[in-house]
C-alpha atoms as a PDB file:
ATOM      1  CA  MET A   1      -0.113   0.111  -0.174  1.00  0.00           C
ATOM      2  CA  ASN A   2       1.241   3.670  -0.773  1.00  0.00           C
ATOM      3  CA  PRO A   3       1.825   5.618   2.045  1.00  0.00           C
ATOM      4  CA  VAL A   4      -1.197   8.409   2.070  1.00  0.00           C
ATOM      5  CA  VAL A   5      -0.363  11.848   2.358  1.00  0.00           C
ATOM      6  CA  LEU A   6      -3.078  14.644   3.449  1.00  0.00           C
ATOM      7  CA  VAL A   7      -2.666  17.886   1.952  1.00  0.00           C
ATOM      8  CA  ILE A   8      -4.120  21.086   3.244  1.00  0.00           C
ATOM      9  CA  GLU A   9      -3.489  23.778   0.715  1.00  0.00           C
ATOM     10  CA  ASP A  10      -5.976  26.344  -0.476  1.00  0.00           C
ATOM     11  CA  ASN A  11      -3.920  27.395  -3.462  1.00  0.00           C
ATOM     12  CA  GLU A  12      -5.475  25.389  -6.348  1.00  0.00           C
ATOM     13  CA  GLN A  13      -1.801  25.693  -8.200  1.00  0.00           C
ATOM     14  CA  ASN A  14      -0.128  24.418  -4.714  1.00  0.00           C
ATOM     15  CA  LEU A  15      -2.118  21.911  -4.259  1.00  0.00           C
ATOM     16  CA  TYR A  16      -1.956  20.780  -8.106  1.00  0.00           C
ATOM     17  CA  LEU A  17       1.848  20.920  -8.119  1.00  0.00           C
ATOM     18  CA  MET A  18       2.270  18.761  -4.784  1.00  0.00           C
ATOM     19  CA  ARG A  19      -0.322  15.954  -5.845  1.00  0.00           C
ATOM     20  CA  PHE A  20       1.795  15.781  -8.909  1.00  0.00           C
ATOM     21  CA  LEU A  21       5.168  15.377  -7.545  1.00  0.00           C
ATOM     22  CA  LEU A  22       3.670  12.931  -4.489  1.00  0.00           C
ATOM     23  CA  GLU A  23       1.646  10.916  -6.985  1.00  0.00           C
ATOM     24  CA  LYS A  24       4.854  10.518  -9.269  1.00  0.00           C
ATOM     25  CA  ASN A  25       6.436   9.031  -6.572  1.00  0.00           C
ATOM     26  CA  GLY A  26       4.253   6.485  -5.180  1.00  0.00           C
ATOM     27  CA  PHE A  27       2.133   8.420  -2.542  1.00  0.00           C
ATOM     28  CA  THR A  28      -1.657   8.752  -2.122  1.00  0.00           C
ATOM     29  CA  VAL A  29      -2.937  12.304  -2.032  1.00  0.00           C
ATOM     30  CA  VAL A  30      -6.018  13.247  -0.162  1.00  0.00           C
ATOM     31  CA  GLU A  31      -6.815  16.694  -0.027  1.00  0.00           C
ATOM     32  CA  ALA A  32      -8.464  19.671   1.998  1.00  0.00           C
ATOM     33  CA  THR A  33      -8.681  23.184   0.933  1.00  0.00           C
ATOM     34  CA  ASP A  34      -9.097  24.423   4.367  1.00  0.00           C
ATOM     35  CA  GLY A  35      -8.243  23.935   7.816  1.00  0.00           C
ATOM     36  CA  LEU A  36     -11.354  22.605   9.076  1.00  0.00           C
ATOM     37  CA  LYS A  37     -12.050  20.236   6.503  1.00  0.00           C
ATOM     38  CA  GLY A  38      -8.009  19.182   6.886  1.00  0.00           C
ATOM     39  CA  VAL A  39      -9.185  18.328  10.476  1.00  0.00           C
ATOM     40  CA  GLU A  40     -12.152  16.103   9.455  1.00  0.00           C
ATOM     41  CA  MET A  41     -10.126  14.444   6.743  1.00  0.00           C
ATOM     42  CA  ALA A  42      -7.321  13.725   8.891  1.00  0.00           C
ATOM     43  CA  LYS A  43      -9.482  12.029  11.432  1.00  0.00           C
ATOM     44  CA  GLU A  44     -11.535   9.827   8.688  1.00  0.00           C
ATOM     45  CA  THR A  45      -8.269   8.955   6.525  1.00  0.00           C
ATOM     46  CA  LYS A  46      -5.264   8.618   9.027  1.00  0.00           C
ATOM     47  CA  PRO A  47      -2.658   9.455   7.048  1.00  0.00           C
ATOM     48  CA  HIS A  48       0.979   8.553   7.057  1.00  0.00           C
ATOM     49  CA  LEU A  49       1.758  12.197   6.712  1.00  0.00           C
ATOM     50  CA  ILE A  50      -0.064  15.809   6.512  1.00  0.00           C
ATOM     51  CA  LEU A  51       1.244  18.708   4.592  1.00  0.00           C
ATOM     52  CA  LEU A  52       0.150  21.777   5.755  1.00  0.00           C
ATOM     53  CA  ASP A  53      -0.518  25.530   5.015  1.00  0.00           C
ATOM     54  CA  ILE A  54      -0.334  27.861   7.098  1.00  0.00           C
ATOM     55  CA  GLN A  55      -2.491  30.389   5.651  1.00  0.00           C
ATOM     56  CA  LEU A  56      -5.811  28.715   5.468  1.00  0.00           C
ATOM     57  CA  PRO A  57      -9.267  29.975   5.365  1.00  0.00           C
ATOM     58  CA  LYS A  58     -11.909  28.335   8.319  1.00  0.00           C
ATOM     59  CA  MET A  59      -8.925  27.601  10.661  1.00  0.00           C
ATOM     60  CA  ASP A  60      -5.209  28.559  10.409  1.00  0.00           C
ATOM     61  CA  GLY A  61      -2.296  26.019  10.249  1.00  0.00           C
ATOM     62  CA  TYR A  62      -1.223  26.857  13.511  1.00  0.00           C
ATOM     63  CA  ALA A  63      -4.821  25.903  15.425  1.00  0.00           C
ATOM     64  CA  VAL A  64      -4.843  22.731  12.542  1.00  0.00           C
ATOM     65  CA  ALA A  65      -1.461  21.491  14.253  1.00  0.00           C
ATOM     66  CA  ARG A  66      -2.571  22.143  17.519  1.00  0.00           C
ATOM     67  CA  GLU A  67      -6.265  20.264  17.034  1.00  0.00           C
ATOM     68  CA  LEU A  68      -4.008  17.445  15.422  1.00  0.00           C
ATOM     69  CA  ARG A  69      -2.094  17.088  18.049  1.00  0.00           C
ATOM     70  CA  LYS A  70      -4.802  16.626  20.717  1.00  0.00           C
ATOM     71  CA  ASN A  71      -5.833  13.435  18.782  1.00  0.00           C
ATOM     72  CA  ALA A  72      -4.395  10.258  19.976  1.00  0.00           C
ATOM     73  CA  GLU A  73      -4.705   8.552  16.758  1.00  0.00           C
ATOM     74  CA  LEU A  74      -3.345  11.490  15.115  1.00  0.00           C
ATOM     75  CA  SER A  75      -0.773  12.620  17.822  1.00  0.00           C
ATOM     76  CA  SER A  76       2.610  10.987  16.240  1.00  0.00           C
ATOM     77  CA  THR A  77       1.464  11.948  12.683  1.00  0.00           C
ATOM     78  CA  PRO A  78       3.952  13.786  11.096  1.00  0.00           C
ATOM     79  CA  ILE A  79       2.909  17.219  10.097  1.00  0.00           C
ATOM     80  CA  ILE A  80       4.903  19.481   7.618  1.00  0.00           C
ATOM     81  CA  ALA A  81       4.044  23.262   7.389  1.00  0.00           C
ATOM     82  CA  VAL A  82       4.629  24.445   3.620  1.00  0.00           C
ATOM     83  CA  THR A  83       4.614  28.158   3.764  1.00  0.00           C
ATOM     84  CA  SER A  84       4.919  30.923   2.438  1.00  0.00           C
ATOM     85  CA  TYR A  85       5.813  32.583   5.784  1.00  0.00           C
ATOM     86  CA  ALA A  86       9.661  33.047   6.213  1.00  0.00           C
ATOM     87  CA  MET A  87      10.457  36.227   8.474  1.00  0.00           C
ATOM     88  CA  VAL A  88      12.392  35.317  11.836  1.00  0.00           C
ATOM     89  CA  GLY A  89      10.381  33.175  14.405  1.00  0.00           C
ATOM     90  CA  ASP A  90       7.881  31.590  11.726  1.00  0.00           C
ATOM     91  CA  ARG A  91       9.646  28.585  11.546  1.00  0.00           C
ATOM     92  CA  GLU A  92       9.668  28.201  15.460  1.00  0.00           C
ATOM     93  CA  ARG A  93       5.935  29.070  15.436  1.00  0.00           C
ATOM     94  CA  VAL A  94       4.702  26.948  13.395  1.00  0.00           C
ATOM     95  CA  LEU A  95       6.867  23.922  15.112  1.00  0.00           C
ATOM     96  CA  ASP A  96       6.037  25.250  18.534  1.00  0.00           C
ATOM     97  CA  ALA A  97       2.294  24.745  17.259  1.00  0.00           C
ATOM     98  CA  GLY A  98       2.599  20.690  16.541  1.00  0.00           C
ATOM     99  CA  ALA A  99       4.633  20.652  13.089  1.00  0.00           C
ATOM    100  CA  ASP A 100       7.356  18.572  12.911  1.00  0.00           C
ATOM    101  CA  ASP A 101       9.234  20.455   9.904  1.00  0.00           C
ATOM    102  CA  TYR A 102       9.200  23.524   7.478  1.00  0.00           C
ATOM    103  CA  ILE A 103       9.266  23.448   3.966  1.00  0.00           C
ATOM    104  CA  GLU A 104       9.233  27.408   2.646  1.00  0.00           C
ATOM    105  CA  LYS A 105       7.074  27.973  -0.662  1.00  0.00           C
ATOM    106  CA  PRO A 106       7.812  28.285  -3.129  1.00  0.00           C
ATOM    107  CA  ILE A 107       8.652  24.468  -2.846  1.00  0.00           C
ATOM    108  CA  ASP A 108      11.708  23.197  -5.010  1.00  0.00           C
ATOM    109  CA  PRO A 109      10.218  20.177  -7.113  1.00  0.00           C
ATOM    110  CA  GLU A 110      14.173  18.778  -7.161  1.00  0.00           C
ATOM    111  CA  ARG A 111      13.836  18.364  -3.541  1.00  0.00           C
ATOM    112  CA  PHE A 112      10.057  18.283  -1.946  1.00  0.00           C
ATOM    113  CA  VAL A 113       9.809  14.651  -2.579  1.00  0.00           C
ATOM    114  CA  GLU A 114      12.990  13.953  -0.537  1.00  0.00           C
ATOM    115  CA  GLN A 115      12.146  16.198   2.068  1.00  0.00           C
ATOM    116  CA  ILE A 116       8.832  14.231   2.341  1.00  0.00           C
ATOM    117  CA  LYS A 117      10.299  10.824   2.548  1.00  0.00           C
ATOM    118  CA  LYS A 118      12.715  11.739   5.485  1.00  0.00           C
ATOM    119  CA  HIS A 119       9.364  11.396   7.535  1.00  0.00           C
ATOM    120  CA  VAL A 120       7.869   8.758   5.555  1.00  0.00           C
ATOM    121  CA  ARG A 121       8.750   5.160   5.076  1.00  0.00           C
ATOM    122  CA  PHE A 122       8.317   3.203   2.448  1.00  0.00           C
ATOM    123  CA  GLY A 123       7.171  -0.689   2.767  1.00  0.00           C
END
């Protein structure tokens, strides 16, 4: 079974690029376009990894990460923030909210999948 990645992202172009790169490399992708739906999808699908935008409608990524960390079934699921927030302190803030790693946008297609594979075991 392919590892399942939940991508919580409201930008259609970013979502398309991440889905394309992940599926091309053997991942199964499920999607949510706002924070509330992301929390619901995480509970339903129990993904192997969550890619989380920070600027989201209905519930921002910080709140999503904190909510997911409260759930016993999802508390150890790797969360990687994928965000354009790159100011001093932004990385620490998202890690403090519960993310395990941080990837800056725009993503680098050459490195993106390798950054994901560090957090997901195949097979």
